[in-house]
Amino acid sequence: MASTRVRPRLRVPGTGRVIRKTTSIKRRSKSGPILSRLTVVWVQNNGVTFNTTGFFARLFRGNTLVSTASFDNFGVVRFANVRTLTNATFTIRVFSASGVLFRQRTIPAGSEAFAIIG
């Protein structure tokens, strides 16, 4: 047995109030940084990342130690307590697992990411 379809009324009696408004989709323009924390990548001269197992980096502002973080296996270190865009100049020092200093570079203010080449 088929059910009968209910047809909508042409004029609905009521107060004329709007029950539900449709919301327009607002598109956010991304004007800020994509990376929220300072990220450093250590790459070879051809752009391929180093295998940095066991390496760690220390981030200094002047002579003050700001943060220490370990590299992952793919040459990337992320400093969780340094927001981007940075508002100060930092010095990064990269150490091996045995504590030997390999690189020292200066990261300028206004950085979101930084690459150590070589």
C-alpha atoms as a PDB file:
ATOM      1  CA  MET A   1       0.000   0.000   0.000  1.00  0.00           C
ATOM      2  CA  ALA A   2       1.433   3.326  -0.990  1.00  0.00           C
ATOM      3  CA  SER A   3       1.493   6.172   1.466  1.00  0.00           C
ATOM      4  CA  THR A   4       0.112   9.508   0.481  1.00  0.00           C
ATOM      5  CA  ARG A   5       2.485  12.401   0.195  1.00  0.00           C
ATOM      6  CA  VAL A   6       1.701  15.500   2.183  1.00  0.00           C
ATOM      7  CA  ARG A   7       1.775  18.606   0.057  1.00  0.00           C
ATOM      8  CA  PRO A   8       3.175  21.819   1.587  1.00  0.00           C
ATOM      9  CA  ARG A   9       0.718  24.635   2.080  1.00  0.00           C
ATOM     10  CA  LEU A  10       0.979  27.681  -0.109  1.00  0.00           C
ATOM     11  CA  ARG A  11       0.489  30.148   2.724  1.00  0.00           C
ATOM     12  CA  VAL A  12       1.548  29.155   6.202  1.00  0.00           C
ATOM     13  CA  PRO A  13      -0.313  30.948   8.981  1.00  0.00           C
ATOM     14  CA  GLY A  14       1.976  32.414  11.555  1.00  0.00           C
ATOM     15  CA  THR A  15       3.544  35.522  13.010  1.00  0.00           C
ATOM     16  CA  GLY A  16       6.014  36.046  10.212  1.00  0.00           C
ATOM     17  CA  ARG A  17       9.036  35.585  12.455  1.00  0.00           C
ATOM     18  CA  VAL A  18      12.180  34.060  11.130  1.00  0.00           C
ATOM     19  CA  ILE A  19      12.714  30.739  12.791  1.00  0.00           C
ATOM     20  CA  ARG A  20      16.200  30.000  11.567  1.00  0.00           C
ATOM     21  CA  LYS A  21      18.616  32.150   9.626  1.00  0.00           C
ATOM     22  CA  THR A  22      21.102  30.617   7.304  1.00  0.00           C
ATOM     23  CA  THR A  23      24.663  31.467   8.162  1.00  0.00           C
ATOM     24  CA  SER A  24      27.028  32.485   5.468  1.00  0.00           C
ATOM     25  CA  ILE A  25      30.331  30.680   5.237  1.00  0.00           C
ATOM     26  CA  LYS A  26      33.102  33.027   6.212  1.00  0.00           C
ATOM     27  CA  ARG A  27      36.442  32.423   4.617  1.00  0.00           C
ATOM     28  CA  ARG A  28      39.381  33.231   6.840  1.00  0.00           C
ATOM     29  CA  SER A  29      42.255  34.830   5.093  1.00  0.00           C
ATOM     30  CA  LYS A  30      45.503  33.418   6.380  1.00  0.00           C
ATOM     31  CA  SER A  31      47.689  36.402   7.074  1.00  0.00           C
ATOM     32  CA  GLY A  32      49.740  34.955   9.905  1.00  0.00           C
ATOM     33  CA  PRO A  33      52.429  32.287   9.976  1.00  0.00           C
ATOM     34  CA  ILE A  34      51.692  28.719   8.922  1.00  0.00           C
ATOM     35  CA  LEU A  35      54.054  27.145  11.460  1.00  0.00           C
ATOM     36  CA  SER A  36      53.177  28.063  15.031  1.00  0.00           C
ATOM     37  CA  ARG A  37      56.563  27.173  16.559  1.00  0.00           C
ATOM     38  CA  LEU A  38      60.113  27.844  15.405  1.00  0.00           C
ATOM     39  CA  THR A  39      61.248  25.002  13.156  1.00  0.00           C
ATOM     40  CA  VAL A  40      64.820  24.415  11.966  1.00  0.00           C
ATOM     41  CA  VAL A  41      65.789  22.034   9.155  1.00  0.00           C
ATOM     42  CA  TRP A  42      69.385  20.824   8.678  1.00  0.00           C
ATOM     43  CA  VAL A  43      70.045  20.015   5.014  1.00  0.00           C
ATOM     44  CA  GLN A  44      72.960  19.100   2.761  1.00  0.00           C
ATOM     45  CA  ASN A  45      74.114  21.391  -0.049  1.00  0.00           C
ATOM     46  CA  ASN A  46      71.749  19.614  -2.469  1.00  0.00           C
ATOM     47  CA  GLY A  47      68.741  20.147  -0.180  1.00  0.00           C
ATOM     48  CA  VAL A  48      68.443  16.606   1.171  1.00  0.00           C
ATOM     49  CA  THR A  49      68.103  16.425   4.944  1.00  0.00           C
ATOM     50  CA  PHE A  50      70.722  14.789   7.123  1.00  0.00           C
ATOM     51  CA  ASN A  51      70.106  11.739   9.276  1.00  0.00           C
ATOM     52  CA  THR A  52      70.270  13.543  12.606  1.00  0.00           C
ATOM     53  CA  THR A  53      69.572  10.705  15.014  1.00  0.00           C
ATOM     54  CA  GLY A  54      70.905  11.682  18.436  1.00  0.00           C
ATOM     55  CA  PHE A  55      71.650  15.313  17.535  1.00  0.00           C
ATOM     56  CA  PHE A  56      70.212  18.164  19.576  1.00  0.00           C
ATOM     57  CA  ALA A  57      70.127  21.943  19.332  1.00  0.00           C
ATOM     58  CA  ARG A  58      70.291  24.760  21.829  1.00  0.00           C
ATOM     59  CA  LEU A  59      68.706  28.117  21.132  1.00  0.00           C
ATOM     60  CA  PHE A  60      70.222  31.236  22.677  1.00  0.00           C
ATOM     61  CA  ARG A  61      69.071  34.837  22.831  1.00  0.00           C
ATOM     62  CA  GLY A  62      72.273  36.709  23.467  1.00  0.00           C
ATOM     63  CA  ASN A  63      73.992  34.650  26.165  1.00  0.00           C
ATOM     64  CA  THR A  64      70.736  33.328  27.648  1.00  0.00           C
ATOM     65  CA  LEU A  65      69.674  29.749  26.901  1.00  0.00           C
ATOM     66  CA  VAL A  66      66.078  29.834  25.661  1.00  0.00           C
ATOM     67  CA  SER A  67      65.408  26.233  24.693  1.00  0.00           C
ATOM     68  CA  THR A  68      66.944  22.827  24.016  1.00  0.00           C
ATOM     69  CA  ALA A  69      65.332  20.346  21.620  1.00  0.00           C
ATOM     70  CA  SER A  70      66.282  17.094  19.908  1.00  0.00           C
ATOM     71  CA  PHE A  71      66.365  16.563  16.159  1.00  0.00           C
ATOM     72  CA  ASP A  72      64.198  13.850  14.669  1.00  0.00           C
ATOM     73  CA  ASN A  73      65.669  11.323  12.215  1.00  0.00           C
ATOM     74  CA  PHE A  74      64.927  13.593   9.239  1.00  0.00           C
ATOM     75  CA  GLY A  75      66.901  16.714  10.141  1.00  0.00           C
ATOM     76  CA  VAL A  76      64.082  18.697  11.759  1.00  0.00           C
ATOM     77  CA  VAL A  77      64.016  20.259  15.204  1.00  0.00           C
ATOM     78  CA  ARG A  78      61.042  22.160  16.644  1.00  0.00           C
ATOM     79  CA  PHE A  79      61.347  24.520  19.574  1.00  0.00           C
ATOM     80  CA  ALA A  80      58.025  24.150  21.387  1.00  0.00           C
ATOM     81  CA  ASN A  81      58.338  27.287  23.516  1.00  0.00           C
ATOM     82  CA  VAL A  82      59.364  29.742  20.747  1.00  0.00           C
ATOM     83  CA  ARG A  83      56.356  31.171  18.905  1.00  0.00           C
ATOM     84  CA  THR A  84      56.566  32.468  15.367  1.00  0.00           C
ATOM     85  CA  LEU A  85      57.095  34.978  13.888  1.00  0.00           C
ATOM     86  CA  THR A  86      60.087  35.469  16.139  1.00  0.00           C
ATOM     87  CA  ASN A  87      60.556  38.929  17.580  1.00  0.00           C
ATOM     88  CA  ALA A  88      64.237  38.582  18.472  1.00  0.00           C
ATOM     89  CA  THR A  89      67.471  37.372  16.929  1.00  0.00           C
ATOM     90  CA  PHE A  90      68.487  33.899  18.105  1.00  0.00           C
ATOM     91  CA  THR A  91      71.670  31.862  17.904  1.00  0.00           C
ATOM     92  CA  ILE A  92      71.301  28.137  17.327  1.00  0.00           C
ATOM     93  CA  ARG A  93      74.037  25.684  18.223  1.00  0.00           C
ATOM     94  CA  VAL A  94      73.809  22.112  16.927  1.00  0.00           C
ATOM     95  CA  PHE A  95      75.494  19.324  18.885  1.00  0.00           C
ATOM     96  CA  SER A  96      76.060  15.616  18.266  1.00  0.00           C
ATOM     97  CA  ALA A  97      74.926  13.006  20.773  1.00  0.00           C
ATOM     98  CA  SER A  98      78.384  13.098  22.390  1.00  0.00           C
ATOM     99  CA  GLY A  99      78.195  16.890  22.871  1.00  0.00           C
ATOM    100  CA  VAL A 100      80.478  18.014  20.013  1.00  0.00           C
ATOM    101  CA  LEU A 101      79.458  21.370  18.521  1.00  0.00           C
ATOM    102  CA  PHE A 102      78.795  20.908  14.775  1.00  0.00           C
ATOM    103  CA  ARG A 103      77.191  24.186  13.638  1.00  0.00           C
ATOM    104  CA  GLN A 104      76.399  27.625  14.988  1.00  0.00           C
ATOM    105  CA  ARG A 105      74.082  29.946  13.059  1.00  0.00           C
ATOM    106  CA  THR A 106      72.178  33.177  13.691  1.00  0.00           C
ATOM    107  CA  ILE A 107      68.412  33.169  13.127  1.00  0.00           C
ATOM    108  CA  PRO A 108      67.106  36.680  12.314  1.00  0.00           C
ATOM    109  CA  ALA A 109      64.001  38.173  13.886  1.00  0.00           C
ATOM    110  CA  GLY A 110      60.748  37.627  12.016  1.00  0.00           C
ATOM    111  CA  SER A 111      61.497  33.993  11.184  1.00  0.00           C
ATOM    112  CA  GLU A 112      59.074  31.115  11.084  1.00  0.00           C
ATOM    113  CA  ALA A 113      61.475  28.465   9.845  1.00  0.00           C
ATOM    114  CA  PHE A 114      65.207  28.295   9.289  1.00  0.00           C
ATOM    115  CA  ALA A 115      67.494  26.031   7.260  1.00  0.00           C
ATOM    116  CA  ILE A 116      71.046  25.126   8.231  1.00  0.00           C
ATOM    117  CA  ILE A 117      72.831  24.259   4.996  1.00  0.00           C
ATOM    118  CA  GLY A 118      75.884  22.030   5.160  1.00  0.00           C
END
